[in-house]
């Protein structure tokens, strides 16, 4: 993950910045208080509260590190019109079975298939990148190969 660009919308960037602020200020303080309380209970080797607080501390510190990297290497994107599929574009495709599907190509942090947002790192997102209207893109999946014809790029 080191030094890789992270494509983010301005909204997602703002959400991640706020999450980082929350973790550094409020969560770290809560965990420190929980650790102090757990230490006061005595024997640390068999102290479930202490071990739970330490685990929570490790999880929070991992997430802080992850967020700091995402923000440091974040590239703000916006939806835009292009003649080829790229991060930030909406691509309308037609599959072999005739179904039309619309995808917004986004960074990995924002991918959400339920909203039609696919990561540029996903097999479909990576296959669509750089292609133009009218081109057919083949995507290998565990169930076999799927073909998508690009019918519009917004």
Protein backbone atom coordinates (compact mmCIF):
# COMPACT_ATOMS: atom_id res chain seq x y z
CA UNK A 1 0.00 0.00 0.00
CA UNK A 2 2.98 2.32 0.47
CA UNK A 3 3.21 5.31 -1.86
CA UNK A 4 0.29 4.21 -4.02
CA UNK A 5 -2.12 6.92 -5.10
CA UNK A 6 -5.56 6.77 -3.52
CA UNK A 7 -8.28 8.23 -5.72
CA UNK A 8 -10.96 9.96 -3.64
CA UNK A 9 -13.88 12.28 -4.18
CA UNK A 10 -13.73 15.49 -2.15
CA UNK A 11 -16.59 14.16 0.00
CA UNK A 12 -14.79 10.91 0.81
CA UNK A 13 -11.56 12.80 1.50
CA UNK A 14 -13.41 15.01 3.99
CA UNK A 15 -15.03 11.97 5.67
CA UNK A 16 -11.64 10.27 6.06
CA UNK A 17 -10.05 13.45 7.47
CA UNK A 18 -12.85 13.69 10.04
CA UNK A 19 -12.49 10.00 10.95
CA UNK A 20 -8.74 10.51 11.45
CA UNK A 21 -9.35 13.53 13.68
CA UNK A 22 -11.91 11.56 15.72
CA UNK A 23 -9.54 8.62 16.19
CA UNK A 24 -6.59 10.78 17.20
CA UNK A 25 -8.47 12.97 19.65
CA UNK A 26 -11.43 11.09 21.11
CA UNK A 27 -10.70 7.39 20.58
CA UNK A 28 -7.08 7.55 21.74
CA UNK A 29 -8.19 9.31 24.93
CA UNK A 30 -10.92 6.72 25.61
CA UNK A 31 -8.47 3.86 25.10
CA UNK A 32 -5.90 5.46 27.41
CA UNK A 33 -8.57 5.80 30.10
CA UNK A 34 -9.66 2.17 29.61
CA UNK A 35 -6.04 1.00 29.87
CA UNK A 36 -5.50 2.93 33.09
CA UNK A 37 -8.68 1.48 34.57
CA UNK A 38 -7.72 -2.05 33.50
CA UNK A 39 -4.24 -1.66 34.99
CA UNK A 40 -5.79 -0.64 38.29
CA UNK A 41 -7.57 -3.99 38.47
CA UNK A 42 -4.32 -5.80 39.15
CA UNK A 43 -2.71 -8.85 37.57
CA UNK A 44 -2.37 -8.01 33.86
CA UNK A 45 -1.71 -11.58 32.71
CA UNK A 46 -5.30 -12.64 33.40
CA UNK A 47 -6.96 -9.26 33.01
CA UNK A 48 -9.51 -9.48 30.15
CA UNK A 49 -10.27 -5.74 30.28
CA UNK A 50 -6.59 -4.91 29.83
CA UNK A 51 -6.13 -7.29 26.88
CA UNK A 52 -9.31 -6.01 25.24
CA UNK A 53 -8.16 -2.39 25.63
CA UNK A 54 -4.74 -3.27 24.16
CA UNK A 55 -6.39 -4.98 21.18
CA UNK A 56 -8.63 -1.96 20.63
CA UNK A 57 -5.58 0.31 20.86
CA UNK A 58 -3.78 -1.74 18.18
CA UNK A 59 -6.85 -1.60 15.90
CA UNK A 60 -7.16 2.17 16.29
CA UNK A 61 -3.44 2.75 15.67
CA UNK A 62 -3.60 0.55 12.54
CA UNK A 63 -6.57 2.53 11.23
CA UNK A 64 -4.82 5.83 12.00
CA UNK A 65 -1.78 4.69 10.00
CA UNK A 66 -3.98 3.57 7.13
CA UNK A 67 -5.90 6.86 7.07
CA UNK A 68 -2.72 8.93 7.24
CA UNK A 69 -1.37 7.11 4.19
CA UNK A 70 -4.62 7.42 2.25
CA UNK A 71 -4.77 11.14 2.97
CA UNK A 72 -1.08 11.70 2.26
CA UNK A 73 -1.25 9.99 -1.14
CA UNK A 74 -4.86 10.97 -1.85
CA UNK A 75 -5.71 12.34 -5.27
CA UNK A 76 -8.99 14.23 -5.39
CA UNK A 77 -11.07 13.30 -8.40
CA UNK A 78 -14.38 14.59 -9.66
CA UNK A 79 -16.93 13.25 -12.08
CA UNK A 80 -16.08 14.45 -15.54
CA UNK A 81 -16.73 13.80 -19.22
CA UNK A 82 -14.02 12.05 -21.17
CA UNK A 83 -13.76 10.14 -24.43
CA UNK A 84 -12.27 7.17 -22.59
CA UNK A 85 -13.02 5.36 -19.34
CA UNK A 86 -10.92 6.66 -16.46
CA UNK A 87 -11.19 7.23 -12.73
CA UNK A 88 -14.06 9.66 -12.17
CA UNK A 89 -16.06 8.78 -15.28
CA UNK A 90 -19.40 7.02 -15.51
CA UNK A 91 -19.38 4.16 -17.99
CA UNK A 92 -22.56 2.66 -19.44
CA UNK A 93 -22.09 -0.87 -20.73
CA UNK A 94 -24.16 -3.54 -22.43
CA UNK A 95 -23.43 -7.16 -21.61
CA UNK A 96 -23.75 -10.22 -23.83
CA UNK A 97 -27.20 -10.88 -22.37
CA UNK A 98 -28.41 -7.39 -23.43
CA UNK A 99 -28.49 -5.91 -19.93
CA UNK A 100 -27.28 -2.33 -19.62
CA UNK A 101 -25.27 -1.42 -16.55
CA UNK A 102 -23.89 1.91 -15.40
CA UNK A 103 -20.70 2.11 -13.36
CA UNK A 104 -18.81 5.01 -11.83
CA UNK A 105 -15.09 4.24 -11.72
CA UNK A 106 -13.75 5.32 -8.33
CA UNK A 107 -10.84 4.71 -5.99
CA UNK A 108 -10.80 1.57 -3.84
CA UNK A 109 -11.92 3.44 -0.70
CA UNK A 110 -15.22 4.44 -2.33
CA UNK A 111 -16.12 1.26 -4.18
CA UNK A 112 -19.71 0.18 -3.50
CA UNK A 113 -21.36 -2.17 -6.00
CA UNK A 114 -24.78 -1.43 -4.51
CA UNK A 115 -24.34 2.18 -5.68
CA UNK A 116 -22.74 1.22 -9.00
CA UNK A 117 -19.31 2.46 -7.87
CA UNK A 118 -16.49 0.14 -8.92
CA UNK A 119 -12.84 0.40 -7.99
CA UNK A 120 -10.31 1.15 -10.67
CA UNK A 121 -8.39 -1.79 -9.16
CA UNK A 122 -11.25 -4.30 -9.55
CA UNK A 123 -11.14 -6.68 -12.51
CA UNK A 124 -13.97 -4.82 -14.29
CA UNK A 125 -12.72 -1.35 -13.39
CA UNK A 126 -9.18 -2.14 -14.51
CA UNK A 127 -10.47 -3.70 -17.75
CA UNK A 128 -12.60 -0.64 -18.59
CA UNK A 129 -9.80 1.90 -18.03
CA UNK A 130 -8.57 3.51 -21.23
CA UNK A 131 -11.31 2.11 -23.47
CA UNK A 132 -13.69 4.19 -25.60
CA UNK A 133 -17.32 4.07 -26.67
CA UNK A 134 -17.98 1.12 -28.97
CA UNK A 135 -15.14 -1.00 -27.66
CA UNK A 136 -15.77 -4.43 -26.16
CA UNK A 137 -13.97 -5.32 -22.95
CA UNK A 138 -13.54 -8.90 -21.75
CA UNK A 139 -13.33 -9.55 -18.02
CA UNK A 140 -12.28 -12.90 -16.58
CA UNK A 141 -14.18 -13.96 -13.48
CA UNK A 142 -14.34 -17.22 -11.53
CA UNK A 143 -17.57 -17.98 -13.42
CA UNK A 144 -15.92 -17.41 -16.79
CA UNK A 145 -15.37 -14.54 -19.17
CA UNK A 146 -17.88 -11.67 -19.40
CA UNK A 147 -17.94 -9.17 -22.24
CA UNK A 148 -19.01 -5.57 -21.84
CA UNK A 149 -19.60 -3.22 -24.77
CA UNK A 150 -19.08 0.41 -23.80
CA UNK A 151 -22.11 2.35 -25.08
CA UNK A 152 -21.55 5.66 -23.28
CA UNK A 153 -19.00 7.47 -21.15
CA UNK A 154 -20.21 10.36 -19.04
